[in-house]
Amino acid sequence: MLITAPYCGSCKQYFLRVFEPVMAQTKWLGRENVKLERIDGMEHPEVARKYNILSVPAVVVEDDTKKQTFMRTALPTQEELCELAYIPPLTAKENHDYDIC
């Protein structure tokens, strides 16, 4: 899960350039066992408290038993996020489909 805040420009850029493409690819590949979601830490402060999030953006990964398995504020690269989602790295064309520049 990606924890963000509405005022955070870094959160928006990370979501658009890294998280959203991986999220879309995960759905396209039919990986129902992998759930990627973005959560607004301002709307859901209980989530930020639960994981002791002090700054955003932050990524938290849980296993099927909902036990936290990975958390870091140094955001994973797209390749690392693909690995965590059990999908192959995105191709240049797949990345280009999400390029906003």
Protein backbone atom coordinates (compact mmCIF):
# COMPACT_ATOMS: atom_id res chain seq x y z
CA MET A 1 0.00 0.00 0.00
CA LEU A 2 1.15 3.49 -0.81
CA ILE A 3 0.37 6.04 1.88
CA THR A 4 0.12 9.59 0.57
CA ALA A 5 -1.22 13.05 1.40
CA PRO A 6 -3.16 15.39 -0.93
CA TYR A 7 -0.64 18.24 -0.54
CA CYS A 8 2.37 16.05 -1.38
CA GLY A 9 3.82 16.59 -4.86
CA SER A 10 6.28 13.72 -4.41
CA CYS A 11 3.36 11.42 -3.58
CA LYS A 12 1.56 12.37 -6.78
CA GLN A 13 4.66 11.91 -8.95
CA TYR A 14 5.57 8.57 -7.36
CA PHE A 15 2.02 7.32 -7.83
CA LEU A 16 1.85 8.38 -11.48
CA ARG A 17 5.32 7.30 -12.56
CA VAL A 18 5.95 4.18 -10.45
CA PHE A 19 3.03 2.87 -8.44
CA GLU A 20 0.13 3.24 -10.89
CA PRO A 21 1.88 1.46 -13.80
CA VAL A 22 2.82 -1.45 -11.54
CA MET A 23 -0.71 -1.52 -10.09
CA ALA A 24 -2.23 -1.62 -13.59
CA GLN A 25 0.19 -4.32 -14.76
CA THR A 26 -0.58 -6.43 -11.70
CA LYS A 27 -4.30 -6.26 -12.48
CA TRP A 28 -3.70 -6.92 -16.19
CA LEU A 29 -1.67 -10.04 -15.37
CA GLY A 30 -4.49 -11.25 -13.12
CA ARG A 31 -2.50 -11.31 -9.89
CA GLU A 32 -5.52 -11.32 -7.55
CA ASN A 33 -3.34 -12.36 -4.63
CA VAL A 34 -1.47 -9.04 -4.88
CA LYS A 35 -3.39 -5.97 -3.76
CA LEU A 36 -1.84 -2.59 -4.51
CA GLU A 37 -3.70 0.42 -3.22
CA ARG A 38 -3.13 4.08 -2.48
CA ILE A 39 -4.36 5.39 0.85
CA ASP A 40 -4.67 9.05 1.79
CA GLY A 41 -3.04 9.34 5.20
CA MET A 42 -5.00 12.51 5.93
CA GLU A 43 -8.35 10.80 5.33
CA HIS A 44 -7.25 7.64 7.14
CA PRO A 45 -4.93 8.72 9.97
CA GLU A 46 -5.51 5.38 11.70
CA VAL A 47 -3.52 3.70 8.90
CA ALA A 48 -0.62 6.11 9.32
CA ARG A 49 -0.71 5.53 13.09
CA LYS A 50 -0.90 1.74 12.69
CA TYR A 51 2.34 1.71 10.69
CA ASN A 52 3.96 4.63 12.49
CA ILE A 53 4.25 6.65 9.26
CA LEU A 54 6.02 9.93 9.96
CA SER A 55 6.45 11.15 6.39
CA VAL A 56 4.87 10.51 3.03
CA PRO A 57 5.03 8.96 0.56
CA ALA A 58 5.56 5.63 2.30
CA VAL A 59 5.15 2.06 1.11
CA VAL A 60 3.92 -0.76 3.34
CA VAL A 61 3.72 -4.38 2.23
CA GLU A 62 1.72 -6.99 4.14
CA ASP A 63 1.47 -10.72 3.63
CA ASP A 64 -1.83 -12.61 3.44
CA THR A 65 -2.12 -12.73 7.23
CA LYS A 66 -2.03 -8.90 7.32
CA LYS A 67 1.27 -8.89 9.18
CA GLN A 68 3.57 -6.14 8.07
CA THR A 69 6.42 -7.64 6.09
CA PHE A 70 8.11 -4.59 4.61
CA MET A 71 7.98 -0.88 5.19
CA ARG A 72 10.24 1.88 4.12
CA THR A 73 10.12 5.57 3.50
CA ALA A 74 12.92 5.31 0.93
CA LEU A 75 10.58 4.38 -1.87
CA PRO A 76 11.15 1.23 -3.90
CA THR A 77 12.08 1.66 -7.52
CA GLN A 78 9.70 0.39 -10.17
CA GLU A 79 11.79 -2.78 -10.53
CA GLU A 80 11.72 -3.39 -6.77
CA LEU A 81 7.97 -2.79 -6.67
CA CYS A 82 7.47 -5.26 -9.54
CA GLU A 83 9.50 -7.81 -7.62
CA LEU A 84 7.38 -7.26 -4.50
CA ALA A 85 4.22 -7.68 -6.62
CA TYR A 86 5.58 -10.88 -8.21
CA ILE A 87 5.45 -9.51 -11.75
CA PRO A 88 8.16 -9.05 -14.39
CA PRO A 89 9.66 -5.57 -14.80
CA LEU A 90 7.67 -3.29 -17.08
CA THR A 91 8.89 -2.85 -20.64
CA ALA A 92 9.78 0.53 -22.12
CA LYS A 93 6.46 0.54 -24.02
CA GLU A 94 4.47 -0.24 -20.87
CA ASN A 95 6.26 2.60 -19.10
CA HIS A 96 5.68 4.93 -22.05
CA ASP A 97 1.92 4.32 -21.77
CA TYR A 98 2.08 6.02 -18.34
CA ASP A 99 4.61 8.72 -19.18
CA ILE A 100 3.08 12.12 -18.41
CA CYS A 101 5.87 14.32 -19.76
